[in-house]
Protein backbone atom coordinates (compact mmCIF):
# COMPACT_ATOMS: atom_id res chain seq x y z
CA UNK A 1 3.51 -18.62 27.87
CA UNK A 2 4.50 -15.53 25.87
CA UNK A 3 3.13 -17.00 22.64
CA UNK A 4 -0.17 -17.86 24.34
CA UNK A 5 -0.47 -14.31 25.68
CA UNK A 6 0.27 -12.89 22.22
CA UNK A 7 -2.43 -15.07 20.65
CA UNK A 8 -4.99 -14.06 23.30
CA UNK A 9 -4.23 -10.36 22.71
CA UNK A 10 -4.23 -10.51 18.88
CA UNK A 11 -7.16 -12.92 18.41
CA UNK A 12 -9.84 -10.23 19.00
CA UNK A 13 -8.02 -7.96 16.54
CA UNK A 14 -8.18 -10.67 13.89
CA UNK A 15 -11.86 -11.38 14.58
CA UNK A 16 -12.86 -7.71 14.34
CA UNK A 17 -10.56 -7.11 11.38
CA UNK A 18 -12.26 -9.75 9.24
CA UNK A 19 -15.07 -7.37 8.35
CA UNK A 20 -12.71 -4.89 6.66
CA UNK A 21 -11.64 -5.86 3.15
CA UNK A 22 -7.92 -5.86 2.34
CA UNK A 23 -8.42 -3.95 -0.91
CA UNK A 24 -5.39 -1.85 -1.74
CA UNK A 25 -5.81 1.56 -3.26
CA UNK A 26 -2.15 1.40 -4.41
CA UNK A 27 -1.28 5.02 -3.64
CA UNK A 28 1.01 4.13 -0.73
CA UNK A 29 3.16 1.03 -0.31
CA UNK A 30 1.12 -1.61 1.46
CA UNK A 31 1.40 -5.39 1.74
CA UNK A 32 -1.80 -6.03 -0.19
CA UNK A 33 -2.13 -7.64 -3.60
CA UNK A 34 -5.16 -7.99 -5.86
CA UNK A 35 -5.56 -11.58 -4.72
CA UNK A 36 -7.89 -12.58 -7.57
CA UNK A 37 -6.26 -13.73 -10.81
CA UNK A 38 -7.28 -11.35 -13.59
CA UNK A 39 -8.05 -8.38 -11.31
CA UNK A 40 -6.71 -5.16 -12.85
CA UNK A 41 -6.06 -1.88 -11.09
CA UNK A 42 -5.17 1.46 -12.72
CA UNK A 43 -3.86 4.65 -11.12
CA UNK A 44 -2.66 8.10 -12.17
CA UNK A 45 -0.54 10.12 -9.76
CA UNK A 46 0.07 13.85 -10.14
CA UNK A 47 2.78 15.60 -8.13
CA UNK A 48 4.88 18.75 -8.20
CA UNK A 49 7.79 16.78 -9.67
CA UNK A 50 5.74 15.15 -12.46
CA UNK A 51 3.20 12.41 -13.07
CA UNK A 52 3.07 8.63 -13.08
CA UNK A 53 0.54 6.14 -14.46
CA UNK A 54 0.41 2.45 -13.57
CA UNK A 55 -1.51 -0.70 -14.35
CA UNK A 56 -1.43 -3.57 -11.85
CA UNK A 57 -2.59 -7.04 -12.85
CA UNK A 58 -3.02 -10.05 -10.55
CA UNK A 59 -1.62 -13.13 -12.26
CA UNK A 60 -2.14 -15.40 -9.24
CA UNK A 61 -3.50 -15.01 -5.73
CA UNK A 62 0.03 -14.23 -4.47
CA UNK A 63 1.60 -12.54 -7.51
CA UNK A 64 0.95 -9.14 -9.14
CA UNK A 65 2.73 -7.42 -12.03
CA UNK A 66 2.92 -3.61 -12.10
CA UNK A 67 3.67 -1.72 -15.32
CA UNK A 68 4.19 2.03 -14.98
CA UNK A 69 5.17 5.00 -17.09
CA UNK A 70 6.46 8.44 -16.14
CA UNK A 71 8.56 11.16 -17.78
CA UNK A 72 11.62 9.88 -15.89
CA UNK A 73 11.09 6.19 -16.73
CA UNK A 74 9.10 5.52 -19.90
CA UNK A 75 8.47 1.90 -18.94
CA UNK A 76 9.02 0.16 -15.62
CA UNK A 77 7.96 -3.37 -14.76
CA UNK A 78 7.78 -4.80 -11.25
CA UNK A 79 6.74 -8.16 -9.83
CA UNK A 80 5.16 -8.23 -6.35
CA UNK A 81 5.00 -11.52 -4.40
CA UNK A 82 2.99 -12.08 -1.23
CA UNK A 83 5.46 -14.08 0.89
CA UNK A 84 3.52 -14.00 4.19
CA UNK A 85 -0.28 -14.07 4.10
CA UNK A 86 -2.51 -13.69 7.16
CA UNK A 87 0.09 -14.62 9.77
CA UNK A 88 -2.47 -13.62 12.33
CA UNK A 89 -3.26 -10.19 10.85
CA UNK A 90 0.11 -9.67 9.06
CA UNK A 91 0.97 -9.68 5.35
CA UNK A 92 4.45 -9.26 3.84
CA UNK A 93 5.10 -8.47 0.15
CA UNK A 94 8.42 -8.42 -1.72
CA UNK A 95 8.68 -6.35 -4.91
CA UNK A 96 11.38 -6.88 -7.54
CA UNK A 97 12.27 -4.75 -10.54
CA UNK A 98 15.43 -3.90 -12.47
CA UNK A 99 15.86 -0.66 -10.49
CA UNK A 100 14.90 -1.71 -6.96
CA UNK A 101 13.90 -4.27 -4.37
CA UNK A 102 11.14 -3.45 -1.89
CA UNK A 103 9.72 -5.03 1.24
CA UNK A 104 6.25 -4.02 2.49
CA UNK A 105 4.59 -5.32 5.64
CA UNK A 106 1.10 -4.47 6.86
CA UNK A 107 -0.58 -5.33 10.12
CA UNK A 108 -4.40 -5.35 9.76
CA UNK A 109 -6.19 -4.31 12.95
CA UNK A 110 -9.75 -3.81 11.74
CA UNK A 111 -10.16 -0.27 10.45
CA UNK A 112 -6.49 0.47 11.28
CA UNK A 113 -3.62 -0.67 9.04
CA UNK A 114 -0.05 -0.28 10.28
CA UNK A 115 2.52 -0.54 7.48
CA UNK A 116 6.30 -0.55 7.46
CA UNK A 117 8.61 -1.02 4.52
CA UNK A 118 11.74 -0.08 2.70
CA UNK A 119 13.25 -0.03 -0.75
CA UNK A 120 16.79 -0.67 -1.84
CA UNK A 121 17.69 1.41 -4.89
CA UNK A 122 19.86 4.45 -5.71
CA UNK A 123 18.37 6.34 -2.75
CA UNK A 124 17.04 3.83 -0.25
CA UNK A 125 13.79 4.76 1.46
CA UNK A 126 12.17 3.54 4.70
CA UNK A 127 8.66 4.41 5.82
CA UNK A 128 6.10 3.70 8.46
CA UNK A 129 2.38 4.48 8.09
CA UNK A 130 -0.77 4.24 10.14
CA UNK A 131 -4.09 4.34 8.25
CA UNK A 132 -7.43 4.67 9.97
CA UNK A 133 -10.72 4.13 8.12
CA UNK A 134 -12.89 6.36 10.31
CA UNK A 135 -15.74 6.01 7.79
CA UNK A 136 -16.50 3.35 5.16
CA UNK A 137 -15.61 5.86 2.44
CA UNK A 138 -12.74 7.80 4.10
CA UNK A 139 -9.32 6.95 5.46
CA UNK A 140 -6.69 9.19 7.02
CA UNK A 141 -2.94 8.48 6.81
CA UNK A 142 -0.07 9.59 8.99
CA UNK A 143 3.49 8.39 8.93
CA UNK A 144 7.21 9.02 8.58
CA UNK A 145 9.53 8.55 5.62
CA UNK A 146 13.33 8.43 5.68
CA UNK A 147 14.99 9.17 2.35
CA UNK A 148 18.78 9.35 2.47
CA UNK A 149 19.64 11.51 5.48
CA UNK A 150 16.29 13.35 5.67
CA UNK A 151 13.16 12.33 7.56
CA UNK A 152 9.75 13.70 6.59
CA UNK A 153 6.13 13.40 7.62
CA UNK A 154 3.45 11.74 5.46
CA UNK A 155 -0.10 13.06 5.84
CA UNK A 156 -3.01 12.02 3.66
CA UNK A 157 -6.70 11.49 3.08
CA UNK A 158 -8.32 8.82 0.89
CA UNK A 159 -11.87 9.04 -0.40
CA UNK A 160 -13.74 6.02 -1.81
CA UNK A 161 -17.17 7.15 -3.04
CA UNK A 162 -20.07 4.90 -4.02
CA UNK A 163 -21.36 1.62 -2.69
CA UNK A 164 -18.64 -0.68 -4.05
CA UNK A 165 -15.72 1.69 -3.24
CA UNK A 166 -13.59 0.20 -6.01
CA UNK A 167 -12.50 3.68 -7.21
CA UNK A 168 -11.14 6.54 -5.22
CA UNK A 169 -8.88 9.54 -4.81
CA UNK A 170 -6.02 10.18 -2.46
CA UNK A 171 -4.33 13.40 -1.40
CA UNK A 172 -0.94 13.13 0.34
CA UNK A 173 1.66 15.57 1.58
CA UNK A 174 5.18 14.16 1.84
CA UNK A 175 8.69 15.59 2.00
CA UNK A 176 8.62 15.54 -1.83
CA UNK A 177 5.52 17.75 -1.88
CA UNK A 178 1.82 17.40 -2.66
CA UNK A 179 0.51 14.25 -4.45
CA UNK A 180 -2.92 13.49 -5.89
CA UNK A 181 -3.73 9.92 -6.95
CA UNK A 182 -6.88 8.77 -8.72
CA UNK A 183 -7.47 5.12 -9.48
CA UNK A 184 -9.44 1.99 -9.02
CA UNK A 185 -10.23 -1.55 -9.99
CA UNK A 186 -11.44 -2.39 -13.50
């Protein structure tokens, strides 16, 4: 009975959510991969504590490789595997690198994405985000992040100009400060 009620409630969400593409901008952790073998995504992030550049390449529909550089880590490599795909509107991704393990989950409810995740590394981090695409080219973000013993708010705005919206910019304010990310799909 409970499962039937859950399906009846979530089925309209899945039907309406099909019109919104699951294209990740890769500025916040989200359970979305490229999904198309050969798809490449680049991003540059500027923050008060430094910069970071990354290249993400889809090797298979459920596997991406992320190579990044920053002043702190001159070369970092991470594999991201989509372990749950479209369980109703839910995706779950596990990321593995030498420095950390991450788990990202995203619930797709049409123009709203609800994400939760955590990383296990030197300083473990947990976060929860709600994103709302109030316009085809703009998305707002709000969430919470727990890093160590401190909890901070995440606020942001994403802009995807043009007809294809494969490139964009993101401005976020977190407990670490102000972040600007520019990137897109090649």
